[in-house]
């Protein structure tokens, strides 16, 4: 009878560890997905700011730089909320 209970406990522990591992994997993929989105938006805003600055349109470059900071703050708040 005791072997049966050892098998039940081992099965439950294995299932719990599997679930914990899947939760970790899903969170990791979620973080990687949103880090890629942040990188893309940040890079586009930075390129836009650099392009406007090179052309001499400094007011538009400042707006693009503000957009870049806004994107960073948006994703920083998002990552704080999911952690």
Protein backbone atom coordinates (compact mmCIF):
# COMPACT_ATOMS: atom_id res chain seq x y z
CA UNK A 1 0.00 0.00 0.00
CA UNK A 2 2.83 2.44 0.74
CA UNK A 3 4.32 1.98 -2.76
CA UNK A 4 1.01 3.13 -4.22
CA UNK A 5 1.09 6.36 -2.21
CA UNK A 6 4.72 6.98 -3.16
CA UNK A 7 3.71 6.66 -6.83
CA UNK A 8 0.76 9.02 -6.33
CA UNK A 9 2.98 11.62 -4.65
CA UNK A 10 5.65 11.24 -7.35
CA UNK A 11 2.99 11.66 -10.06
CA UNK A 12 1.57 14.78 -8.40
CA UNK A 13 5.04 16.29 -7.92
CA UNK A 14 5.94 15.55 -11.51
CA UNK A 15 2.72 17.14 -12.73
CA UNK A 16 3.27 20.22 -10.56
CA UNK A 17 6.84 20.62 -11.83
CA UNK A 18 5.64 20.24 -15.41
CA UNK A 19 2.99 22.94 -14.94
CA UNK A 20 5.51 25.29 -13.31
CA UNK A 21 7.91 24.69 -16.19
CA UNK A 22 5.22 25.46 -18.78
CA UNK A 23 4.22 28.67 -16.97
CA UNK A 24 7.86 29.77 -16.96
CA UNK A 25 8.22 28.93 -20.65
CA UNK A 26 5.08 30.86 -21.61
CA UNK A 27 6.21 33.92 -19.61
CA UNK A 28 9.63 33.73 -21.23
CA UNK A 29 8.12 33.66 -24.74
CA UNK A 30 5.81 36.53 -23.81
CA UNK A 31 8.76 38.61 -22.60
CA UNK A 32 10.77 37.85 -25.73
CA UNK A 33 7.84 38.74 -27.98
CA UNK A 34 7.30 42.12 -26.34
CA UNK A 35 11.04 42.83 -26.17
CA UNK A 36 11.15 42.34 -29.95
CA UNK A 37 8.17 44.69 -30.38
CA UNK A 38 9.84 47.29 -28.16
CA UNK A 39 13.12 47.01 -30.05
CA UNK A 40 11.37 47.48 -33.40
CA UNK A 41 9.36 50.53 -32.30
CA UNK A 42 12.34 52.06 -30.50
CA UNK A 43 14.65 51.58 -33.48
CA UNK A 44 12.13 53.08 -35.89
CA UNK A 45 11.66 56.16 -33.70
CA UNK A 46 15.43 56.53 -33.27
CA UNK A 47 16.02 56.30 -37.02
CA UNK A 48 13.28 58.85 -37.62
CA UNK A 49 14.84 61.23 -35.08
CA UNK A 50 18.29 60.79 -36.63
CA UNK A 51 16.94 61.36 -40.14
CA UNK A 52 15.15 64.57 -39.17
CA UNK A 53 18.22 65.78 -37.31
CA UNK A 54 20.47 65.17 -40.32
CA UNK A 55 18.08 67.07 -42.58
CA UNK A 56 18.06 69.98 -40.15
CA UNK A 57 14.45 69.68 -38.99
CA UNK A 58 15.27 69.82 -35.30
CA UNK A 59 11.70 70.39 -34.12
CA UNK A 60 10.57 67.19 -35.86
CA UNK A 61 13.65 65.41 -34.54
CA UNK A 62 12.70 66.44 -31.00
CA UNK A 63 9.19 65.07 -31.56
CA UNK A 64 10.60 61.77 -32.82
CA UNK A 65 12.96 61.60 -29.84
CA UNK A 66 10.01 62.23 -27.50
CA UNK A 67 8.18 59.39 -29.26
CA UNK A 68 11.19 57.16 -28.67
CA UNK A 69 11.14 57.97 -24.94
CA UNK A 70 7.38 57.41 -24.82
CA UNK A 71 7.77 53.96 -26.41
CA UNK A 72 10.44 53.06 -23.85
CA UNK A 73 8.30 54.25 -20.94
CA UNK A 74 5.25 52.39 -22.30
CA UNK A 75 7.10 49.09 -22.44
CA UNK A 76 8.83 49.69 -19.10
CA UNK A 77 5.42 50.11 -17.47
CA UNK A 78 4.13 47.06 -19.30
CA UNK A 79 7.03 44.88 -18.15
CA UNK A 80 6.58 46.12 -14.59
CA UNK A 81 2.92 45.15 -14.73
CA UNK A 82 3.54 41.58 -15.96
CA UNK A 83 6.40 40.88 -13.58
